[in-house]
PDB file of N, CA and C in Angstrom:
ATOM      1  N   MET A   1     -13.636 -55.033 -38.672  1.00  0.00           N
ATOM      2  CA  MET A   1     -13.050 -53.779 -38.443  1.00  0.00           C
ATOM      3  C   MET A   1     -12.162 -53.592 -39.294  1.00  0.00           C
ATOM      4  N   ALA A   2     -11.828 -52.404 -39.844  1.00  0.00           N
ATOM      5  CA  ALA A   2     -10.521 -52.258 -40.918  1.00  0.00           C
ATOM      6  C   ALA A   2      -9.280 -52.551 -40.572  1.00  0.00           C
ATOM      7  N   ASN A   3      -7.815 -53.030 -41.431  1.00  0.00           N
ATOM      8  CA  ASN A   3      -6.599 -52.629 -40.493  1.00  0.00           C
ATOM      9  C   ASN A   3      -6.386 -51.238 -41.070  1.00  0.00           C
ATOM     10  N   TYR A   4      -5.558 -50.893 -40.367  1.00  0.00           N
ATOM     11  CA  TYR A   4      -5.225 -49.331 -40.794  1.00  0.00           C
ATOM     12  C   TYR A   4      -3.188 -49.518 -41.146  1.00  0.00           C
ATOM     13  N   SER A   5      -2.858 -48.806 -41.696  1.00  0.00           N
ATOM     14  CA  SER A   5      -1.072 -49.314 -42.419  1.00  0.00           C
ATOM     15  C   SER A   5      -0.845 -48.691 -41.363  1.00  0.00           C
ATOM     16  N   SER A   6       0.640 -48.225 -41.303  1.00  0.00           N
ATOM     17  CA  SER A   6       1.659 -47.640 -40.452  1.00  0.00           C
ATOM     18  C   SER A   6       1.282 -46.286 -40.532  1.00  0.00           C
ATOM     19  N   SER A   7       1.266 -45.635 -41.696  1.00  0.00           N
ATOM     20  CA  SER A   7       1.274 -44.120 -42.160  1.00  0.00           C
ATOM     21  C   SER A   7      -0.428 -44.204 -41.991  1.00  0.00           C
ATOM     22  N   ASP A   8      -1.354 -44.518 -41.569  1.00  0.00           N
ATOM     23  CA  ASP A   8      -2.857 -44.448 -41.036  1.00  0.00           C
ATOM     24  C   ASP A   8      -2.547 -44.254 -39.592  1.00  0.00           C
ATOM     25  N   SER A   9      -2.146 -45.252 -39.156  1.00  0.00           N
ATOM     26  CA  SER A   9      -2.061 -45.017 -37.775  1.00  0.00           C
ATOM     27  C   SER A   9      -1.613 -43.957 -36.929  1.00  0.00           C
ATOM     28  N   SER A  10      -0.604 -43.379 -38.039  1.00  0.00           N
ATOM     29  CA  SER A  10      -0.115 -42.071 -37.263  1.00  0.00           C
ATOM     30  C   SER A  10      -0.921 -40.651 -37.253  1.00  0.00           C
ATOM     31  N   ALA A  11      -1.141 -40.884 -38.564  1.00  0.00           N
ATOM     32  CA  ALA A  11      -2.262 -39.872 -39.421  1.00  0.00           C
ATOM     33  C   ALA A  11      -3.656 -40.080 -38.154  1.00  0.00           C
ATOM     34  N   LEU A  12      -4.216 -40.899 -37.435  1.00  0.00           N
ATOM     35  CA  LEU A  12      -5.342 -41.201 -36.423  1.00  0.00           C
ATOM     36  C   LEU A  12      -4.071 -40.315 -35.638  1.00  0.00           C
ATOM     37  N   ASN A  13      -3.284 -40.652 -34.830  1.00  0.00           N
ATOM     38  CA  ASN A  13      -2.604 -40.514 -33.624  1.00  0.00           C
ATOM     39  C   ASN A  13      -2.521 -39.099 -33.292  1.00  0.00           C
ATOM     40  N   ARG A  14      -1.759 -38.576 -34.763  1.00  0.00           N
ATOM     41  CA  ARG A  14      -2.143 -37.150 -34.452  1.00  0.00           C
ATOM     42  C   ARG A  14      -3.441 -36.076 -34.725  1.00  0.00           C
ATOM     43  N   ALA A  15      -4.252 -36.882 -35.225  1.00  0.00           N
ATOM     44  CA  ALA A  15      -5.668 -36.290 -35.024  1.00  0.00           C
ATOM     45  C   ALA A  15      -6.573 -36.867 -33.478  1.00  0.00           C
ATOM     46  N   PHE A  16      -6.170 -37.545 -32.965  1.00  0.00           N
ATOM     47  CA  PHE A  16      -6.790 -37.333 -31.989  1.00  0.00           C
ATOM     48  C   PHE A  16      -6.109 -36.684 -31.057  1.00  0.00           C
ATOM     49  N   HIS A  17      -4.375 -36.704 -30.462  1.00  0.00           N
ATOM     50  CA  HIS A  17      -3.597 -36.001 -29.647  1.00  0.00           C
ATOM     51  C   HIS A  17      -4.271 -34.505 -30.330  1.00  0.00           C
ATOM     52  N   ALA A  18      -4.930 -34.341 -31.179  1.00  0.00           N
ATOM     53  CA  ALA A  18      -5.006 -32.760 -31.549  1.00  0.00           C
ATOM     54  C   ALA A  18      -6.212 -32.532 -30.778  1.00  0.00           C
ATOM     55  N   LEU A  19      -6.865 -33.359 -31.206  1.00  0.00           N
ATOM     56  CA  LEU A  19      -8.142 -33.448 -30.289  1.00  0.00           C
ATOM     57  C   LEU A  19      -8.389 -33.662 -28.527  1.00  0.00           C
ATOM     58  N   GLY A  20      -7.351 -33.950 -28.433  1.00  0.00           N
ATOM     59  CA  GLY A  20      -7.557 -34.020 -26.875  1.00  0.00           C
ATOM     60  C   GLY A  20      -6.678 -32.399 -25.881  1.00  0.00           C
ATOM     61  N   ASP A  21      -6.940 -31.332 -26.499  1.00  0.00           N
ATOM     62  CA  ASP A  21      -7.169 -30.794 -25.820  1.00  0.00           C
ATOM     63  C   ASP A  21      -8.651 -29.483 -25.900  1.00  0.00           C
ATOM     64  N   ALA A  22      -8.164 -28.508 -24.890  1.00  0.00           N
ATOM     65  CA  ALA A  22     -10.210 -27.564 -24.736  1.00  0.00           C
ATOM     66  C   ALA A  22     -10.001 -27.008 -25.898  1.00  0.00           C
ATOM     67  N   THR A  23      -8.360 -26.292 -25.866  1.00  0.00           N
ATOM     68  CA  THR A  23      -8.542 -25.129 -26.678  1.00  0.00           C
ATOM     69  C   THR A  23      -8.535 -25.679 -28.204  1.00  0.00           C
ATOM     70  N   ARG A  24      -8.021 -26.288 -28.829  1.00  0.00           N
ATOM     71  CA  ARG A  24      -7.655 -26.600 -29.962  1.00  0.00           C
ATOM     72  C   ARG A  24      -9.470 -27.660 -30.182  1.00  0.00           C
ATOM     73  N   ARG A  25     -10.303 -28.208 -29.572  1.00  0.00           N
ATOM     74  CA  ARG A  25     -11.829 -28.424 -29.519  1.00  0.00           C
ATOM     75  C   ARG A  25     -11.993 -27.197 -30.039  1.00  0.00           C
ATOM     76  N   GLY A  26     -12.331 -26.322 -29.078  1.00  0.00           N
ATOM     77  CA  GLY A  26     -13.002 -24.706 -29.393  1.00  0.00           C
ATOM     78  C   GLY A  26     -12.510 -24.075 -31.053  1.00  0.00           C
ATOM     79  N   VAL A  27     -10.927 -24.403 -30.931  1.00  0.00           N
ATOM     80  CA  VAL A  27     -11.172 -23.929 -32.110  1.00  0.00           C
ATOM     81  C   VAL A  27     -12.022 -24.570 -33.242  1.00  0.00           C
ATOM     82  N   LEU A  28     -11.936 -25.635 -33.201  1.00  0.00           N
ATOM     83  CA  LEU A  28     -13.014 -26.794 -34.016  1.00  0.00           C
ATOM     84  C   LEU A  28     -14.026 -26.186 -33.942  1.00  0.00           C
ATOM     85  N   ALA A  29     -14.650 -25.726 -33.053  1.00  0.00           N
ATOM     86  CA  ALA A  29     -16.382 -25.362 -33.142  1.00  0.00           C
ATOM     87  C   ALA A  29     -16.178 -24.014 -34.033  1.00  0.00           C
ATOM     88  N   GLN A  30     -15.449 -23.243 -33.232  1.00  0.00           N
ATOM     89  CA  GLN A  30     -15.245 -22.206 -34.541  1.00  0.00           C
ATOM     90  C   GLN A  30     -15.257 -21.961 -35.835  1.00  0.00           C
ATOM     91  N   LEU A  31     -14.420 -22.922 -36.119  1.00  0.00           N
ATOM     92  CA  LEU A  31     -14.148 -23.324 -37.315  1.00  0.00           C
ATOM     93  C   LEU A  31     -15.367 -24.111 -38.165  1.00  0.00           C
ATOM     94  N   ALA A  32     -16.389 -24.629 -37.250  1.00  0.00           N
ATOM     95  CA  ALA A  32     -17.439 -25.672 -38.060  1.00  0.00           C
ATOM     96  C   ALA A  32     -18.383 -24.773 -38.219  1.00  0.00           C
ATOM     97  N   LEU A  33     -18.647 -23.076 -37.694  1.00  0.00           N
ATOM     98  CA  LEU A  33     -19.312 -22.323 -38.563  1.00  0.00           C
ATOM     99  C   LEU A  33     -18.854 -22.041 -40.001  1.00  0.00           C
ATOM    100  N   GLY A  34     -17.418 -21.527 -40.002  1.00  0.00           N
ATOM    101  CA  GLY A  34     -17.098 -21.312 -41.430  1.00  0.00           C
ATOM    102  C   GLY A  34     -15.291 -21.293 -41.119  1.00  0.00           C
ATOM    103  N   GLU A  35     -15.103 -20.535 -42.432  1.00  0.00           N
ATOM    104  CA  GLU A  35     -13.642 -20.383 -42.627  1.00  0.00           C
ATOM    105  C   GLU A  35     -13.308 -18.765 -41.622  1.00  0.00           C
ATOM    106  N   ALA A  36     -12.040 -18.830 -40.743  1.00  0.00           N
ATOM    107  CA  ALA A  36     -12.137 -17.527 -40.420  1.00  0.00           C
ATOM    108  C   ALA A  36     -10.894 -17.232 -40.075  1.00  0.00           C
ATOM    109  N   PRO A  37     -10.585 -16.311 -39.739  1.00  0.00           N
ATOM    110  CA  PRO A  37      -8.557 -15.463 -39.746  1.00  0.00           C
ATOM    111  C   PRO A  37      -8.068 -16.213 -38.582  1.00  0.00           C
ATOM    112  N   VAL A  38      -7.057 -16.153 -38.212  1.00  0.00           N
ATOM    113  CA  VAL A  38      -6.413 -16.888 -37.223  1.00  0.00           C
ATOM    114  C   VAL A  38      -6.217 -15.866 -36.467  1.00  0.00           C
ATOM    115  N   SER A  39      -6.314 -14.155 -36.382  1.00  0.00           N
ATOM    116  CA  SER A  39      -6.570 -13.260 -35.659  1.00  0.00           C
ATOM    117  C   SER A  39      -7.960 -13.761 -34.493  1.00  0.00           C
ATOM    118  N   LYS A  40      -8.914 -13.469 -35.450  1.00  0.00           N
ATOM    119  CA  LYS A  40     -10.473 -14.210 -34.846  1.00  0.00           C
ATOM    120  C   LYS A  40     -10.729 -15.249 -33.824  1.00  0.00           C
ATOM    121  N   LEU A  41      -9.569 -16.273 -34.649  1.00  0.00           N
ATOM    122  CA  LEU A  41     -10.388 -17.632 -33.701  1.00  0.00           C
ATOM    123  C   LEU A  41      -9.428 -17.395 -32.544  1.00  0.00           C
ATOM    124  N   ALA A  42      -8.119 -16.697 -32.401  1.00  0.00           N
ATOM    125  CA  ALA A  42      -6.979 -16.092 -31.042  1.00  0.00           C
ATOM    126  C   ALA A  42      -7.996 -15.318 -29.816  1.00  0.00           C
ATOM    127  N   GLU A  43      -9.169 -15.448 -30.624  1.00  0.00           N
ATOM    128  CA  GLU A  43      -9.763 -14.013 -29.905  1.00  0.00           C
ATOM    129  C   GLU A  43     -10.400 -14.446 -28.128  1.00  0.00           C
ATOM    130  N   PRO A  44     -10.661 -15.836 -28.240  1.00  0.00           N
ATOM    131  CA  PRO A  44     -11.321 -15.980 -26.968  1.00  0.00           C
ATOM    132  C   PRO A  44     -10.478 -16.215 -25.562  1.00  0.00           C
ATOM    133  N   TYR A  45      -9.118 -16.824 -26.305  1.00  0.00           N
ATOM    134  CA  TYR A  45      -8.068 -17.570 -25.573  1.00  0.00           C
ATOM    135  C   TYR A  45      -6.846 -16.777 -25.150  1.00  0.00           C
ATOM    136  N   ASP A  46      -7.183 -16.419 -23.649  1.00  0.00           N
ATOM    137  CA  ASP A  46      -5.671 -15.798 -22.946  1.00  0.00           C
ATOM    138  C   ASP A  46      -4.568 -16.151 -23.150  1.00  0.00           C
ATOM    139  N   MET A  47      -4.224 -16.474 -24.414  1.00  0.00           N
ATOM    140  CA  MET A  47      -2.684 -16.403 -24.307  1.00  0.00           C
ATOM    141  C   MET A  47      -2.145 -15.581 -25.752  1.00  0.00           C
ATOM    142  N   ALA A  48      -0.720 -15.945 -25.577  1.00  0.00           N
ATOM    143  CA  ALA A  48       0.085 -15.169 -26.592  1.00  0.00           C
ATOM    144  C   ALA A  48      -0.399 -15.915 -27.783  1.00  0.00           C
ATOM    145  N   LEU A  49      -0.423 -14.925 -29.045  1.00  0.00           N
ATOM    146  CA  LEU A  49      -0.428 -15.350 -30.558  1.00  0.00           C
ATOM    147  C   LEU A  49       0.871 -16.819 -30.455  1.00  0.00           C
ATOM    148  N   PRO A  50       1.744 -16.581 -30.407  1.00  0.00           N
ATOM    149  CA  PRO A  50       2.621 -17.722 -30.596  1.00  0.00           C
ATOM    150  C   PRO A  50       2.271 -18.790 -29.799  1.00  0.00           C
ATOM    151  N   THR A  51       1.671 -18.996 -28.759  1.00  0.00           N
ATOM    152  CA  THR A  51       1.393 -19.740 -28.086  1.00  0.00           C
ATOM    153  C   THR A  51      -0.039 -20.682 -28.947  1.00  0.00           C
ATOM    154  N   PHE A  52      -0.983 -19.419 -29.159  1.00  0.00           N
ATOM    155  CA  PHE A  52      -1.882 -20.005 -29.927  1.00  0.00           C
ATOM    156  C   PHE A  52      -1.418 -20.883 -31.671  1.00  0.00           C
ATOM    157  N   LEU A  53      -0.873 -19.816 -31.885  1.00  0.00           N
ATOM    158  CA  LEU A  53      -0.328 -20.958 -33.057  1.00  0.00           C
ATOM    159  C   LEU A  53       0.357 -22.066 -33.027  1.00  0.00           C
ATOM    160  N   GLN A  54       1.177 -22.498 -31.609  1.00  0.00           N
ATOM    161  CA  GLN A  54       1.081 -24.102 -31.691  1.00  0.00           C
ATOM    162  C   GLN A  54      -0.297 -24.932 -31.891  1.00  0.00           C
ATOM    163  N   HIS A  55      -1.207 -24.002 -31.137  1.00  0.00           N
ATOM    164  CA  HIS A  55      -2.084 -25.316 -31.234  1.00  0.00           C
ATOM    165  C   HIS A  55      -2.805 -24.890 -32.954  1.00  0.00           C
ATOM    166  N   LEU A  56      -2.616 -24.131 -33.839  1.00  0.00           N
ATOM    167  CA  LEU A  56      -2.991 -24.887 -34.530  1.00  0.00           C
ATOM    168  C   LEU A  56      -2.480 -25.508 -35.382  1.00  0.00           C
ATOM    169  N   LYS A  57      -1.107 -25.058 -35.289  1.00  0.00           N
ATOM    170  CA  LYS A  57       0.132 -26.307 -35.874  1.00  0.00           C
ATOM    171  C   LYS A  57      -0.406 -28.002 -36.052  1.00  0.00           C
ATOM    172  N   VAL A  58      -0.677 -28.256 -34.253  1.00  0.00           N
ATOM    173  CA  VAL A  58      -1.025 -29.773 -34.086  1.00  0.00           C
ATOM    174  C   VAL A  58      -2.386 -29.683 -34.820  1.00  0.00           C
ATOM    175  N   LEU A  59      -2.937 -29.079 -34.690  1.00  0.00           N
ATOM    176  CA  LEU A  59      -4.645 -29.017 -35.770  1.00  0.00           C
ATOM    177  C   LEU A  59      -4.393 -29.515 -37.031  1.00  0.00           C
ATOM    178  N   GLU A  60      -3.579 -28.964 -37.578  1.00  0.00           N
ATOM    179  CA  GLU A  60      -3.407 -29.245 -39.103  1.00  0.00           C
ATOM    180  C   GLU A  60      -2.690 -29.962 -39.009  1.00  0.00           C
ATOM    181  N   ALA A  61      -1.659 -30.685 -38.390  1.00  0.00           N
ATOM    182  CA  ALA A  61      -0.883 -31.580 -38.004  1.00  0.00           C
ATOM    183  C   ALA A  61      -1.653 -32.939 -38.593  1.00  0.00           C
ATOM    184  N   GLY A  62      -2.820 -32.647 -37.612  1.00  0.00           N
ATOM    185  CA  GLY A  62      -3.718 -33.805 -37.268  1.00  0.00           C
ATOM    186  C   GLY A  62      -4.547 -33.882 -37.938  1.00  0.00           C
ATOM    187  N   GLY A  63      -4.669 -32.854 -39.359  1.00  0.00           N
ATOM    188  CA  GLY A  63      -5.310 -32.902 -40.705  1.00  0.00           C
ATOM    189  C   GLY A  63      -6.678 -32.563 -40.103  1.00  0.00           C
ATOM    190  N   LEU A  64      -6.872 -31.706 -39.347  1.00  0.00           N
ATOM    191  CA  LEU A  64      -8.270 -31.281 -38.918  1.00  0.00           C
ATOM    192  C   LEU A  64      -8.467 -30.364 -39.186  1.00  0.00           C
ATOM    193  N   VAL A  65      -7.241 -29.205 -39.315  1.00  0.00           N
ATOM    194  CA  VAL A  65      -7.606 -27.817 -40.135  1.00  0.00           C
ATOM    195  C   VAL A  65      -6.455 -27.816 -41.459  1.00  0.00           C
ATOM    196  N   SER A  66      -7.113 -26.840 -41.951  1.00  0.00           N
ATOM    197  CA  SER A  66      -6.185 -26.339 -43.025  1.00  0.00           C
ATOM    198  C   SER A  66      -5.957 -25.037 -43.165  1.00  0.00           C
ATOM    199  N   SER A  67      -5.148 -24.057 -43.735  1.00  0.00           N
ATOM    200  CA  SER A  67      -4.669 -22.770 -43.568  1.00  0.00           C
ATOM    201  C   SER A  67      -4.584 -22.101 -45.187  1.00  0.00           C
ATOM    202  N   ARG A  68      -4.877 -21.162 -45.557  1.00  0.00           N
ATOM    203  CA  ARG A  68      -4.133 -20.288 -46.713  1.00  0.00           C
ATOM    204  C   ARG A  68      -4.241 -19.063 -46.636  1.00  0.00           C
ATOM    205  N   LYS A  69      -3.459 -18.597 -46.941  1.00  0.00           N
ATOM    206  CA  LYS A  69      -2.524 -16.838 -47.108  1.00  0.00           C
ATOM    207  C   LYS A  69      -3.401 -16.410 -48.233  1.00  0.00           C
ATOM    208  N   LYS A  70      -4.750 -15.303 -47.665  1.00  0.00           N
ATOM    209  CA  LYS A  70      -5.630 -14.079 -48.799  1.00  0.00           C
ATOM    210  C   LYS A  70      -4.743 -12.852 -47.839  1.00  0.00           C
ATOM    211  N   GLY A  71      -4.009 -12.426 -48.797  1.00  0.00           N
ATOM    212  CA  GLY A  71      -2.868 -11.106 -48.811  1.00  0.00           C
ATOM    213  C   GLY A  71      -2.575 -11.535 -47.164  1.00  0.00           C
ATOM    214  N   ARG A  72      -2.860 -10.207 -46.051  1.00  0.00           N
ATOM    215  CA  ARG A  72      -1.796 -10.648 -45.503  1.00  0.00           C
ATOM    216  C   ARG A  72      -2.898 -11.533 -43.989  1.00  0.00           C
ATOM    217  N   VAL A  73      -3.993 -11.620 -44.192  1.00  0.00           N
ATOM    218  CA  VAL A  73      -4.433 -12.639 -43.293  1.00  0.00           C
ATOM    219  C   VAL A  73      -4.527 -13.899 -43.868  1.00  0.00           C
ATOM    220  N   ARG A  74      -4.149 -14.594 -42.599  1.00  0.00           N
ATOM    221  CA  ARG A  74      -4.109 -16.251 -42.741  1.00  0.00           C
ATOM    222  C   ARG A  74      -5.525 -17.110 -42.323  1.00  0.00           C
ATOM    223  N   LEU A  75      -6.308 -17.170 -43.204  1.00  0.00           N
ATOM    224  CA  LEU A  75      -7.606 -17.545 -42.656  1.00  0.00           C
ATOM    225  C   LEU A  75      -7.443 -20.054 -42.473  1.00  0.00           C
ATOM    226  N   CYS A  76      -7.804 -20.335 -41.580  1.00  0.00           N
ATOM    227  CA  CYS A  76      -8.605 -21.381 -41.508  1.00  0.00           C
ATOM    228  C   CYS A  76      -9.594 -22.092 -41.517  1.00  0.00           C
ATOM    229  N   ARG A  77      -9.595 -23.222 -41.784  1.00  0.00           N
ATOM    230  CA  ARG A  77     -11.002 -24.020 -42.258  1.00  0.00           C
ATOM    231  C   ARG A  77     -10.839 -25.411 -41.487  1.00  0.00           C
ATOM    232  N   LEU A  78     -12.220 -26.145 -41.252  1.00  0.00           N
ATOM    233  CA  LEU A  78     -12.456 -27.450 -41.102  1.00  0.00           C
ATOM    234  C   LEU A  78     -11.818 -28.253 -42.220  1.00  0.00           C
ATOM    235  N   GLU A  79     -11.725 -29.229 -41.893  1.00  0.00           N
ATOM    236  CA  GLU A  79     -11.340 -30.143 -42.824  1.00  0.00           C
ATOM    237  C   GLU A  79     -12.288 -31.712 -42.197  1.00  0.00           C
ATOM    238  N   ALA A  80     -13.625 -31.236 -42.351  1.00  0.00           N
ATOM    239  CA  ALA A  80     -14.609 -32.031 -42.464  1.00  0.00           C
ATOM    240  C   ALA A  80     -14.540 -34.003 -42.799  1.00  0.00           C
ATOM    241  N   ALA A  81     -13.701 -34.259 -43.605  1.00  0.00           N
ATOM    242  CA  ALA A  81     -13.308 -34.736 -44.260  1.00  0.00           C
ATOM    243  C   ALA A  81     -12.429 -35.690 -43.243  1.00  0.00           C
ATOM    244  N   ARG A  82     -11.089 -35.372 -42.701  1.00  0.00           N
ATOM    245  CA  ARG A  82     -10.744 -35.917 -41.596  1.00  0.00           C
ATOM    246  C   ARG A  82     -11.828 -36.303 -40.333  1.00  0.00           C
ATOM    247  N   LEU A  83     -12.603 -35.223 -39.732  1.00  0.00           N
ATOM    248  CA  LEU A  83     -13.437 -35.367 -38.407  1.00  0.00           C
ATOM    249  C   LEU A  83     -14.260 -36.910 -38.744  1.00  0.00           C
ATOM    250  N   ALA A  84     -14.669 -37.068 -40.455  1.00  0.00           N
ATOM    251  CA  ALA A  84     -15.413 -38.576 -40.410  1.00  0.00           C
ATOM    252  C   ALA A  84     -14.705 -39.605 -40.575  1.00  0.00           C
ATOM    253  N   GLU A  85     -13.616 -39.440 -40.801  1.00  0.00           N
ATOM    254  CA  GLU A  85     -12.604 -40.465 -40.733  1.00  0.00           C
ATOM    255  C   GLU A  85     -12.625 -41.344 -38.935  1.00  0.00           C
ATOM    256  N   LEU A  86     -12.399 -40.212 -38.694  1.00  0.00           N
ATOM    257  CA  LEU A  86     -12.661 -40.552 -37.455  1.00  0.00           C
ATOM    258  C   LEU A  86     -13.899 -40.970 -36.306  1.00  0.00           C
ATOM    259  N   LYS A  87     -14.570 -40.443 -37.162  1.00  0.00           N
ATOM    260  CA  LYS A  87     -15.857 -41.466 -36.499  1.00  0.00           C
ATOM    261  C   LYS A  87     -16.237 -42.374 -37.042  1.00  0.00           C
ATOM    262  N   ASN A  88     -15.714 -42.708 -38.411  1.00  0.00           N
ATOM    263  CA  ASN A  88     -15.720 -44.235 -38.452  1.00  0.00           C
ATOM    264  C   ASN A  88     -15.091 -44.863 -37.886  1.00  0.00           C
ATOM    265  N   TRP A  89     -13.641 -44.628 -37.687  1.00  0.00           N
ATOM    266  CA  TRP A  89     -12.599 -45.668 -36.892  1.00  0.00           C
ATOM    267  C   TRP A  89     -13.422 -45.746 -35.362  1.00  0.00           C
ATOM    268  N   ILE A  90     -13.933 -45.046 -34.617  1.00  0.00           N
ATOM    269  CA  ILE A  90     -14.577 -44.811 -33.628  1.00  0.00           C
ATOM    270  C   ILE A  90     -15.626 -45.641 -33.651  1.00  0.00           C
ATOM    271  N   THR A  91     -16.965 -45.753 -34.400  1.00  0.00           N
ATOM    272  CA  THR A  91     -17.804 -46.605 -35.310  1.00  0.00           C
ATOM    273  C   THR A  91     -17.539 -47.676 -35.420  1.00  0.00           C
ATOM    274  N   GLN A  92     -16.623 -48.263 -35.918  1.00  0.00           N
ATOM    275  CA  GLN A  92     -16.177 -49.536 -36.019  1.00  0.00           C
ATOM    276  C   GLN A  92     -16.282 -50.158 -34.761  1.00  0.00           C
ATOM    277  N   TYR A  93     -15.147 -49.139 -33.726  1.00  0.00           N
ATOM    278  CA  TYR A  93     -15.034 -50.102 -32.534  1.00  0.00           C
ATOM    279  C   TYR A  93     -15.966 -50.164 -31.393  1.00  0.00           C
ATOM    280  N   GLU A  94     -16.686 -48.658 -31.427  1.00  0.00           N
ATOM    281  CA  GLU A  94     -18.613 -49.116 -30.972  1.00  0.00           C
ATOM    282  C   GLU A  94     -18.579 -50.043 -31.163  1.00  0.00           C
ATOM    283  N   GLN A  95     -19.123 -50.741 -32.833  1.00  0.00           N
ATOM    284  CA  GLN A  95     -19.885 -51.490 -33.289  1.00  0.00           C
ATOM    285  C   GLN A  95     -19.222 -52.863 -32.721  1.00  0.00           C
ATOM    286  N   ALA A  96     -18.100 -53.295 -32.737  1.00  0.00           N
ATOM    287  CA  ALA A  96     -17.398 -54.118 -31.967  1.00  0.00           C
ATOM    288  C   ALA A  96     -17.704 -54.374 -30.570  1.00  0.00           C
ATOM    289  N   TRP A  97     -17.115 -53.679 -29.938  1.00  0.00           N
ATOM    290  CA  TRP A  97     -17.464 -53.631 -28.636  1.00  0.00           C
ATOM    291  C   TRP A  97     -18.955 -53.592 -27.954  1.00  0.00           C
ATOM    292  N   SER A  98     -19.949 -53.258 -28.654  1.00  0.00           N
ATOM    293  CA  SER A  98     -21.070 -53.661 -28.726  1.00  0.00           C
ATOM    294  C   SER A  98     -21.613 -54.870 -28.848  1.00  0.00           C
ATOM    295  N   ALA A  99     -21.081 -55.198 -29.762  1.00  0.00           N
ATOM    296  CA  ALA A  99     -21.109 -56.608 -30.225  1.00  0.00           C
ATOM    297  C   ALA A  99     -21.091 -58.239 -28.949  1.00  0.00           C
ATOM    298  N   ARG A 100     -19.486 -57.585 -28.624  1.00  0.00           N
ATOM    299  CA  ARG A 100     -18.829 -58.600 -27.635  1.00  0.00           C
ATOM    300  C   ARG A 100     -19.673 -58.093 -26.174  1.00  0.00           C
ATOM    301  N   LEU A 101     -20.001 -56.919 -25.659  1.00  0.00           N
ATOM    302  CA  LEU A 101     -21.235 -56.842 -24.657  1.00  0.00           C
ATOM    303  C   LEU A 101     -22.181 -57.738 -24.702  1.00  0.00           C
ATOM    304  N   ASP A 102     -22.782 -57.340 -25.731  1.00  0.00           N
ATOM    305  CA  ASP A 102     -24.227 -58.421 -26.380  1.00  0.00           C
ATOM    306  C   ASP A 102     -24.093 -59.727 -25.795  1.00  0.00           C
ATOM    307  N   ARG A 103     -23.078 -60.224 -26.302  1.00  0.00           N
ATOM    308  CA  ARG A 103     -22.718 -62.219 -26.098  1.00  0.00           C
ATOM    309  C   ARG A 103     -22.168 -62.165 -24.794  1.00  0.00           C
ATOM    310  N   LEU A 104     -21.062 -60.908 -24.282  1.00  0.00           N
ATOM    311  CA  LEU A 104     -20.988 -61.152 -22.935  1.00  0.00           C
ATOM    312  C   LEU A 104     -22.735 -61.030 -22.182  1.00  0.00           C
ATOM    313  N   ASP A 105     -23.373 -60.441 -22.158  1.00  0.00           N
ATOM    314  CA  ASP A 105     -25.102 -60.306 -21.808  1.00  0.00           C
ATOM    315  C   ASP A 105     -25.377 -61.845 -21.566  1.00  0.00           C
ATOM    316  N   ASP A 106     -25.439 -62.151 -23.297  1.00  0.00           N
ATOM    317  CA  ASP A 106     -26.299 -63.290 -23.212  1.00  0.00           C
ATOM    318  C   ASP A 106     -25.687 -64.835 -22.482  1.00  0.00           C
ATOM    319  N   PHE A 107     -24.522 -64.916 -22.301  1.00  0.00           N
ATOM    320  CA  PHE A 107     -23.456 -66.073 -21.749  1.00  0.00           C
ATOM    321  C   PHE A 107     -24.641 -65.331 -20.320  1.00  0.00           C
ATOM    322  N   LEU A 108     -24.267 -64.477 -19.945  1.00  0.00           N
ATOM    323  CA  LEU A 108     -24.395 -64.117 -18.312  1.00  0.00           C
ATOM    324  C   LEU A 108     -26.036 -64.715 -17.851  1.00  0.00           C
ATOM    325  N   ASN A 109     -26.459 -64.046 -18.934  1.00  0.00           N
ATOM    326  CA  ASN A 109     -28.288 -64.393 -18.649  1.00  0.00           C
ATOM    327  C   ASN A 109     -28.564 -65.918 -19.063  1.00  0.00           C
ATOM    328  N   GLU A 110     -27.892 -66.289 -19.581  1.00  0.00           N
ATOM    329  CA  GLU A 110     -27.840 -67.733 -20.164  1.00  0.00           C
ATOM    330  C   GLU A 110     -26.878 -68.835 -18.647  1.00  0.00           C
ATOM    331  N   ASN A 111     -26.341 -68.671 -18.372  1.00  0.00           N
ATOM    332  CA  ASN A 111     -25.637 -69.128 -17.143  1.00  0.00           C
ATOM    333  C   ASN A 111     -25.815 -68.851 -15.795  1.00  0.00           C
ATOM    334  N   ASP A 112     -27.081 -67.682 -15.343  1.00  0.00           N
ATOM    335  CA  ASP A 112     -27.327 -67.207 -14.341  1.00  0.00           C
ATOM    336  C   ASP A 112     -28.295 -68.606 -13.408  1.00  0.00           C
ATOM    337  N   PRO A 113     -27.320 -68.531 -12.164  1.00  0.00           N
ATOM    338  CA  PRO A 113     -27.700 -69.843 -11.441  1.00  0.00           C
ATOM    339  C   PRO A 113     -29.077 -69.164 -10.527  1.00  0.00           C
ATOM    340  N   ASN A 114     -29.208 -68.008 -10.598  1.00  0.00           N
ATOM    341  CA  ASN A 114     -30.734 -67.168  -9.640  1.00  0.00           C
ATOM    342  C   ASN A 114     -31.564 -67.127 -10.917  1.00  0.00           C
ATOM    343  N   LYS A 115     -31.510 -67.232 -12.378  1.00  0.00           N
ATOM    344  CA  LYS A 115     -32.590 -67.397 -13.272  1.00  0.00           C
ATOM    345  C   LYS A 115     -33.563 -68.331 -13.032  1.00  0.00           C
ATOM    346  N   ASP A 116     -34.919 -67.863 -13.374  1.00  0.00           N
ATOM    347  CA  ASP A 116     -36.033 -68.902 -12.973  1.00  0.00           C
ATOM    348  C   ASP A 116     -36.617 -69.353 -14.531  1.00  0.00           C
ATOM    349  N   THR A 117     -36.797 -70.898 -14.776  1.00  0.00           N
ATOM    350  CA  THR A 117     -36.332 -71.360 -15.714  1.00  0.00           C
ATOM    351  C   THR A 117     -37.785 -71.465 -16.125  1.00  0.00           C
TER     352      THR A 117
END
């Protein structure tokens, strides 16, 4: 398993925090379809624009979304590289725990008093 520095750990924490809210996950789903203006991203949500902008701020802090200004419009896009990093982190732990559980299963099967030999 890879070791993560303190700054890497903080970045992971911010990204996972950003994923912890349904609104923000919904925004990511919208952005998976392509770059979109903030106004379009906010449409499905029954909240004031400043509140929605706070969600975008959390997504940007987590490295999951970036934005740029084009004229008077702010466009947002998904940062797929950050999602790939999160997936890799999860995969490492899934593999480690899967191996541990396999070893536990083997141990329990070998030491099962009810097992016919």
